Amino acid sequence: MSTLILLNKPFQVLCQFRAKDGRKTLADYVRVPGVYPAGRLDYDSEGLLILTDDGQLQAQISHPRHKLPKTYWVQVEGEVSDEALDLLRAGVSLKDGPTLPCKARRIETPQLWPRSPPIRERAAIPTCWLELEITEGRNRQVRRMTAAVGFPTLRLVRIAIGNWRLDNLAPGEYRTERVHAPQRARRRPTSSRRKRV
């Protein structure tokens, strides 16, 4: 059995256990030895982060080839148009190439914990919330996608990775699950015979 930790990573926490600059890290919240993040979540993003003590499971969760869907609630500046949603769904062009198609929809303002510090608000510019589901994991991908269609991200909260969900975890809280370790590929037995030339 492998250990899985589902953590609600707070805003402005590094997705690592050590830092030299005094910033908060995972060590401020998780005191379970031998676990490591399965994937990353930006310093200024919040929400679900999975940690595990199983290297193969870590790779299955985080590696892009497995295309495990990741779901985000995204607060953006402006009222997102239908055209912008269609662009997101089809895939947008970024500097490192086009993104894969994703699921994108408008949602009502979700019931979330207050962020500290709060987002910047401009009286003359409205905001709205989207739910995006992507299967890639590029650096700051969701932020770059919404900016590419004209709606900068103000707040980003990951709520699900595959079937694992944030549920009612408060920032800094986590729950532990025990899961079956993934099947490891069997190595072919090596022969001691020399090949004839």
Protein backbone atom coordinates (compact mmCIF):
# COMPACT_ATOMS: atom_id res chain seq x y z
CA MET A 1 0.00 0.00 0.00
CA SER A 2 1.13 3.54 -0.75
CA THR A 3 0.47 6.70 1.24
CA LEU A 4 -1.33 9.59 -0.43
CA ILE A 5 -1.67 12.99 1.18
CA LEU A 6 -4.26 15.41 -0.20
CA LEU A 7 -3.28 18.91 0.88
CA ASN A 8 -5.04 22.22 0.37
CA LYS A 9 -1.93 24.26 -0.43
CA PRO A 10 -2.39 27.83 0.76
CA PHE A 11 -1.61 30.93 -1.30
CA GLN A 12 2.08 31.92 -1.34
CA VAL A 13 3.48 28.60 -0.21
CA LEU A 14 6.33 26.99 -2.14
CA CYS A 15 5.66 23.51 -3.50
CA GLN A 16 8.78 22.09 -1.85
CA PHE A 17 10.00 21.26 1.64
CA ARG A 18 12.94 23.67 1.89
CA ALA A 19 13.53 27.32 1.09
CA LYS A 20 16.50 29.58 1.72
CA ASP A 21 14.60 32.86 1.53
CA GLY A 22 12.21 32.47 4.46
CA ARG A 23 9.12 31.78 2.36
CA LYS A 24 6.64 29.20 3.61
CA THR A 25 7.00 25.66 2.27
CA LEU A 26 5.17 22.34 2.52
CA ALA A 27 7.16 21.62 5.69
CA ASP A 28 5.06 24.26 7.47
CA TYR A 29 1.96 22.09 6.93
CA VAL A 30 2.94 18.46 6.31
CA ARG A 31 5.03 16.65 8.88
CA VAL A 32 4.85 13.18 7.33
CA PRO A 33 8.31 11.77 6.54
CA GLY A 34 9.18 10.36 3.13
CA VAL A 35 6.44 11.99 1.01
CA TYR A 36 7.00 14.18 -2.03
CA PRO A 37 4.72 16.26 -4.28
CA ALA A 38 3.20 14.51 -7.29
CA GLY A 39 3.33 17.52 -9.59
CA ARG A 40 3.48 21.18 -8.70
CA LEU A 41 1.24 24.11 -7.90
CA ASP A 42 2.53 27.65 -8.36
CA TYR A 43 3.53 29.78 -5.37
CA ASP A 44 0.60 32.12 -6.04
CA SER A 45 -1.94 29.35 -6.73
CA GLU A 46 -4.03 27.52 -4.15
CA GLY A 47 -5.79 24.23 -3.75
CA LEU A 48 -5.25 20.52 -4.18
CA LEU A 49 -1.73 19.16 -4.08
CA ILE A 50 -1.07 15.44 -3.82
CA LEU A 51 1.98 14.05 -2.05
CA THR A 52 2.99 10.40 -1.95
CA ASP A 53 5.74 8.10 -0.72
CA ASP A 54 5.58 5.99 -3.91
CA GLY A 55 7.79 7.13 -6.80
CA GLN A 56 5.88 5.24 -9.48
CA LEU A 57 2.55 6.57 -8.26
CA GLN A 58 4.07 10.05 -8.16
CA ALA A 59 4.99 9.69 -11.84
CA GLN A 60 1.56 8.34 -12.79
CA ILE A 61 -0.14 11.34 -11.19
CA SER A 62 2.21 14.03 -12.46
CA HIS A 63 3.59 12.92 -15.83
CA PRO A 64 1.84 14.52 -18.84
CA ARG A 65 1.79 11.24 -20.79
CA HIS A 66 -0.87 9.88 -18.42
CA LYS A 67 -3.12 12.90 -19.17
CA LEU A 68 -4.70 12.89 -15.72
CA PRO A 69 -7.27 15.71 -15.79
CA LYS A 70 -6.74 18.64 -13.43
CA THR A 71 -9.68 20.91 -12.63
CA TYR A 72 -9.34 24.55 -11.63
CA TRP A 73 -11.63 27.33 -10.52
CA VAL A 74 -10.29 30.52 -12.03
CA GLN A 75 -11.30 34.09 -11.22
CA VAL A 76 -10.50 36.33 -14.17
CA GLU A 77 -10.65 40.02 -14.88
CA GLY A 78 -13.61 40.89 -17.11
CA GLU A 79 -16.73 39.06 -18.25
CA VAL A 80 -15.59 36.11 -20.33
CA SER A 81 -17.19 35.97 -23.77
CA ASP A 82 -18.51 32.87 -25.53
CA GLU A 83 -15.78 33.38 -28.16
CA ALA A 84 -13.07 33.25 -25.48
CA LEU A 85 -14.56 30.05 -24.06
CA ASP A 86 -14.57 28.50 -27.55
CA LEU A 87 -10.90 29.42 -27.98
CA LEU A 88 -9.99 27.84 -24.65
CA ARG A 89 -11.92 24.67 -25.52
CA ALA A 90 -10.20 24.38 -28.90
CA GLY A 91 -6.69 25.05 -27.55
CA VAL A 92 -4.83 28.36 -27.59
CA SER A 93 -1.42 29.26 -28.96
CA LEU A 94 1.23 29.96 -26.35
CA LYS A 95 4.92 30.73 -26.78
CA ASP A 96 5.78 27.07 -26.21
CA GLY A 97 3.16 25.85 -28.70
CA PRO A 98 -0.59 25.26 -28.83
CA THR A 99 -2.37 23.79 -25.82
CA LEU A 100 -4.50 20.70 -26.04
CA PRO A 101 -8.27 21.24 -26.10
CA CYS A 102 -9.75 21.59 -22.61
CA LYS A 103 -13.11 21.81 -20.90
CA ALA A 104 -14.11 25.38 -20.05
CA ARG A 105 -17.30 26.84 -18.64
CA ARG A 106 -18.51 29.81 -16.63
CA ILE A 107 -19.54 29.09 -13.04
CA GLU A 108 -21.20 31.01 -10.25
CA THR A 109 -18.86 32.52 -7.66
CA PRO A 110 -17.79 29.48 -5.61
CA GLN A 111 -17.90 29.30 -1.83
CA LEU A 112 -14.20 29.58 -0.99
CA TRP A 113 -12.12 30.67 1.97
CA PRO A 114 -10.99 34.32 1.91
CA ARG A 115 -7.56 34.75 0.39
CA SER A 116 -4.92 36.67 2.31
CA PRO A 117 -3.98 39.06 0.87
CA PRO A 118 -7.16 39.43 -1.22
CA ILE A 119 -7.06 39.88 -4.99
CA ARG A 120 -6.78 43.38 -6.41
CA GLU A 121 -10.20 44.71 -7.35
CA ARG A 122 -11.02 47.55 -9.73
CA ALA A 123 -14.40 49.17 -9.30
CA ALA A 124 -14.87 49.72 -13.05
CA ILE A 125 -13.82 46.22 -14.13
CA PRO A 126 -15.99 43.19 -13.23
CA THR A 127 -14.63 39.71 -12.60
CA CYS A 128 -16.05 36.28 -13.28
CA TRP A 129 -15.26 32.66 -12.49
CA LEU A 130 -14.48 29.80 -14.84
CA GLU A 131 -13.99 26.08 -14.38
CA LEU A 132 -11.17 24.74 -16.54
CA GLU A 133 -10.16 21.10 -16.90
CA ILE A 134 -6.81 20.49 -18.58
CA THR A 135 -4.72 17.37 -19.19
CA GLU A 136 -1.33 19.06 -19.53
CA GLY A 137 0.95 20.51 -16.90
CA ARG A 138 2.98 23.31 -18.43
CA ASN A 139 4.47 26.07 -16.34
CA ARG A 140 1.74 28.55 -15.32
CA GLN A 141 -0.42 27.11 -18.09
CA VAL A 142 -3.89 28.17 -16.90
CA ARG A 143 -2.76 31.75 -16.28
CA ARG A 144 -1.18 31.92 -19.72
CA MET A 145 -4.27 30.44 -21.36
CA THR A 146 -6.71 32.95 -19.87
CA ALA A 147 -4.33 35.83 -20.66
CA ALA A 148 -4.03 34.61 -24.26
CA VAL A 149 -7.78 35.03 -24.76
CA GLY A 150 -7.81 38.46 -23.08
CA PHE A 151 -8.84 37.67 -19.50
CA PRO A 152 -6.00 37.78 -16.94
CA THR A 153 -6.23 35.38 -14.00
CA LEU A 154 -6.70 36.99 -10.59
CA ARG A 155 -7.12 33.88 -8.47
CA LEU A 156 -6.45 30.23 -9.25
CA VAL A 157 -7.64 27.28 -7.14
CA ARG A 158 -7.12 23.65 -8.13
CA ILE A 159 -10.08 21.61 -6.94
CA ALA A 160 -9.42 18.17 -8.45
CA ILE A 161 -6.74 15.88 -9.85
CA GLY A 162 -8.34 12.91 -11.56
CA ASN A 163 -10.91 11.53 -9.11
CA TRP A 164 -9.24 13.12 -6.07
CA ARG A 165 -11.05 16.26 -4.94
CA LEU A 166 -10.32 19.07 -2.52
CA ASP A 167 -13.76 18.70 -0.89
CA ASN A 168 -13.94 20.61 2.40
CA LEU A 169 -10.25 20.86 3.28
CA ALA A 170 -9.34 24.29 4.65
CA PRO A 171 -6.07 25.94 3.57
CA GLY A 172 -3.15 24.10 5.16
CA GLU A 173 -5.26 21.04 6.05
CA TYR A 174 -4.71 17.60 4.57
CA ARG A 175 -6.13 14.11 4.70
CA THR A 176 -4.27 10.84 4.25
CA GLU A 177 -5.35 7.90 2.11
CA ARG A 178 -3.84 4.46 1.63
CA VAL A 179 -3.98 3.20 -1.93
CA HIS A 180 -2.73 0.11 -3.72
CA ALA A 181 0.69 0.65 -5.21
CA PRO A 182 0.71 0.69 -9.02
CA GLN A 183 1.78 -2.48 -10.80
CA ARG A 184 5.46 -2.31 -11.56
CA ALA A 185 6.66 -3.54 -14.91
CA ARG A 186 8.50 -6.82 -14.60
CA ARG A 187 12.06 -6.80 -15.82
CA ARG A 188 13.06 -9.43 -18.30
CA PRO A 189 15.49 -11.88 -16.80
CA THR A 190 18.97 -11.25 -18.12
CA SER A 191 20.76 -14.17 -19.69
CA SER A 192 24.31 -14.99 -18.73
CA ARG A 193 24.95 -16.68 -22.06
CA ARG A 194 27.23 -14.94 -24.48
CA LYS A 195 25.94 -14.32 -27.96
CA ARG A 196 27.75 -16.21 -30.67
CA VAL A 197 29.37 -14.05 -33.28
